[in-house]
Amino acid sequence: MSVDDVINLISALSLSDQLRVVQAIWDQLPNGVGTELSLEQRVELDRRWAEYKANLTSCFTEEEFRNRIRAARGQ
């Protein structure tokens, strides 16, 4: 069975089951895999962290974030 065959099979699953497959695959990876940052990513992360620390009032909670997404979707 090829990777494309597996992807097609997974794509036929419900979204909930697809997420379970993703989580199961992620859980099987060795620690640290996929978490390495490029220099550009690290620079951007450092920039965003400095911006956050400089102006904490510009941030919002996860609940506020989700509410903004729902509002943007008209829900």
C-alpha atoms as a PDB file:
ATOM      1  CA  MET A   1       0.000   0.000   0.000  1.00  0.00           C
ATOM      2  CA  SER A   2       1.382   3.411  -0.963  1.00  0.00           C
ATOM      3  CA  VAL A   3       1.324   6.617   1.049  1.00  0.00           C
ATOM      4  CA  ASP A   4      -1.227   8.005  -1.418  1.00  0.00           C
ATOM      5  CA  ASP A   5      -3.452   4.978  -0.760  1.00  0.00           C
ATOM      6  CA  VAL A   6      -3.246   5.577   2.977  1.00  0.00           C
ATOM      7  CA  ILE A   7      -3.994   9.280   2.535  1.00  0.00           C
ATOM      8  CA  ASN A   8      -7.047   8.417   0.439  1.00  0.00           C
ATOM      9  CA  LEU A   9      -8.275   6.015   3.100  1.00  0.00           C
ATOM     10  CA  ILE A  10      -7.778   8.578   5.848  1.00  0.00           C
ATOM     11  CA  SER A  11      -9.503  11.257   3.784  1.00  0.00           C
ATOM     12  CA  ALA A  12     -12.623   9.089   3.671  1.00  0.00           C
ATOM     13  CA  LEU A  13     -12.858   9.116   7.486  1.00  0.00           C
ATOM     14  CA  SER A  14     -14.886  11.622   9.484  1.00  0.00           C
ATOM     15  CA  LEU A  15     -13.048  14.748  10.561  1.00  0.00           C
ATOM     16  CA  SER A  16     -12.978  13.478  14.133  1.00  0.00           C
ATOM     17  CA  ASP A  17     -11.349  10.205  13.056  1.00  0.00           C
ATOM     18  CA  GLN A  18      -8.885  12.049  10.818  1.00  0.00           C
ATOM     19  CA  LEU A  19      -7.808  14.104  13.813  1.00  0.00           C
ATOM     20  CA  ARG A  20      -7.400  10.915  15.857  1.00  0.00           C
ATOM     21  CA  VAL A  21      -5.108   9.522  13.140  1.00  0.00           C
ATOM     22  CA  VAL A  22      -3.055  12.722  13.096  1.00  0.00           C
ATOM     23  CA  GLN A  23      -2.729  12.650  16.882  1.00  0.00           C
ATOM     24  CA  ALA A  24      -1.725   8.970  16.850  1.00  0.00           C
ATOM     25  CA  ILE A  25       0.960   9.621  14.232  1.00  0.00           C
ATOM     26  CA  TRP A  26       2.229  12.694  16.101  1.00  0.00           C
ATOM     27  CA  ASP A  27       2.390  10.732  19.357  1.00  0.00           C
ATOM     28  CA  GLN A  28       4.567   8.075  17.689  1.00  0.00           C
ATOM     29  CA  LEU A  29       7.226  10.560  16.545  1.00  0.00           C
ATOM     30  CA  PRO A  30      10.401  10.871  18.606  1.00  0.00           C
ATOM     31  CA  ASN A  31      10.571  13.906  20.884  1.00  0.00           C
ATOM     32  CA  GLY A  32      11.746  17.053  19.136  1.00  0.00           C
ATOM     33  CA  VAL A  33      10.910  15.947  15.597  1.00  0.00           C
ATOM     34  CA  GLY A  34       9.297  18.743  13.632  1.00  0.00           C
ATOM     35  CA  THR A  35       9.969  21.381  16.256  1.00  0.00           C
ATOM     36  CA  GLU A  36      13.238  22.746  14.895  1.00  0.00           C
ATOM     37  CA  LEU A  37      13.060  26.394  13.866  1.00  0.00           C
ATOM     38  CA  SER A  38      14.857  27.993  10.957  1.00  0.00           C
ATOM     39  CA  LEU A  39      16.792  31.197  11.603  1.00  0.00           C
ATOM     40  CA  GLU A  40      13.983  33.194   9.976  1.00  0.00           C
ATOM     41  CA  GLN A  41      11.360  31.530  12.176  1.00  0.00           C
ATOM     42  CA  ARG A  42      13.407  32.164  15.325  1.00  0.00           C
ATOM     43  CA  VAL A  43      13.884  35.830  14.386  1.00  0.00           C
ATOM     44  CA  GLU A  44      10.126  36.202  13.793  1.00  0.00           C
ATOM     45  CA  LEU A  45       9.297  34.404  17.045  1.00  0.00           C
ATOM     46  CA  ASP A  46      11.698  36.654  18.954  1.00  0.00           C
ATOM     47  CA  ARG A  47      10.159  39.730  17.300  1.00  0.00           C
ATOM     48  CA  ARG A  48       6.630  38.653  18.234  1.00  0.00           C
ATOM     49  CA  TRP A  49       7.680  37.828  21.812  1.00  0.00           C
ATOM     50  CA  ALA A  50       9.289  41.265  22.211  1.00  0.00           C
ATOM     51  CA  GLU A  51       6.150  42.904  20.788  1.00  0.00           C
ATOM     52  CA  TYR A  52       3.992  40.934  23.223  1.00  0.00           C
ATOM     53  CA  LYS A  53       6.171  41.828  26.221  1.00  0.00           C
ATOM     54  CA  ALA A  54       6.196  45.520  25.202  1.00  0.00           C
ATOM     55  CA  ASN A  55       2.403  45.779  25.010  1.00  0.00           C
ATOM     56  CA  LEU A  56       0.557  43.137  27.010  1.00  0.00           C
ATOM     57  CA  THR A  57      -2.780  44.932  26.580  1.00  0.00           C
ATOM     58  CA  SER A  58      -2.722  44.277  22.825  1.00  0.00           C
ATOM     59  CA  CYS A  59      -3.204  40.549  23.442  1.00  0.00           C
ATOM     60  CA  PHE A  60      -6.379  38.612  24.114  1.00  0.00           C
ATOM     61  CA  THR A  61      -7.279  35.316  25.733  1.00  0.00           C
ATOM     62  CA  GLU A  62      -7.959  32.076  23.884  1.00  0.00           C
ATOM     63  CA  GLU A  63     -11.670  32.571  24.544  1.00  0.00           C
ATOM     64  CA  GLU A  64     -11.533  36.078  23.037  1.00  0.00           C
ATOM     65  CA  PHE A  65      -9.638  34.676  20.054  1.00  0.00           C
ATOM     66  CA  ARG A  66     -12.240  31.961  19.482  1.00  0.00           C
ATOM     67  CA  ASN A  67     -15.057  34.497  19.811  1.00  0.00           C
ATOM     68  CA  ARG A  68     -13.401  36.684  17.173  1.00  0.00           C
ATOM     69  CA  ILE A  69     -13.124  33.710  14.821  1.00  0.00           C
ATOM     70  CA  ARG A  70     -16.780  32.818  15.387  1.00  0.00           C
ATOM     71  CA  ALA A  71     -17.814  36.414  14.768  1.00  0.00           C
ATOM     72  CA  ALA A  72     -15.770  36.544  11.564  1.00  0.00           C
ATOM     73  CA  ARG A  73     -17.515  33.372  10.403  1.00  0.00           C
ATOM     74  CA  GLY A  74     -20.905  34.809  11.296  1.00  0.00           C
ATOM     75  CA  GLN A  75     -21.606  32.230  13.991  1.00  0.00           C
END
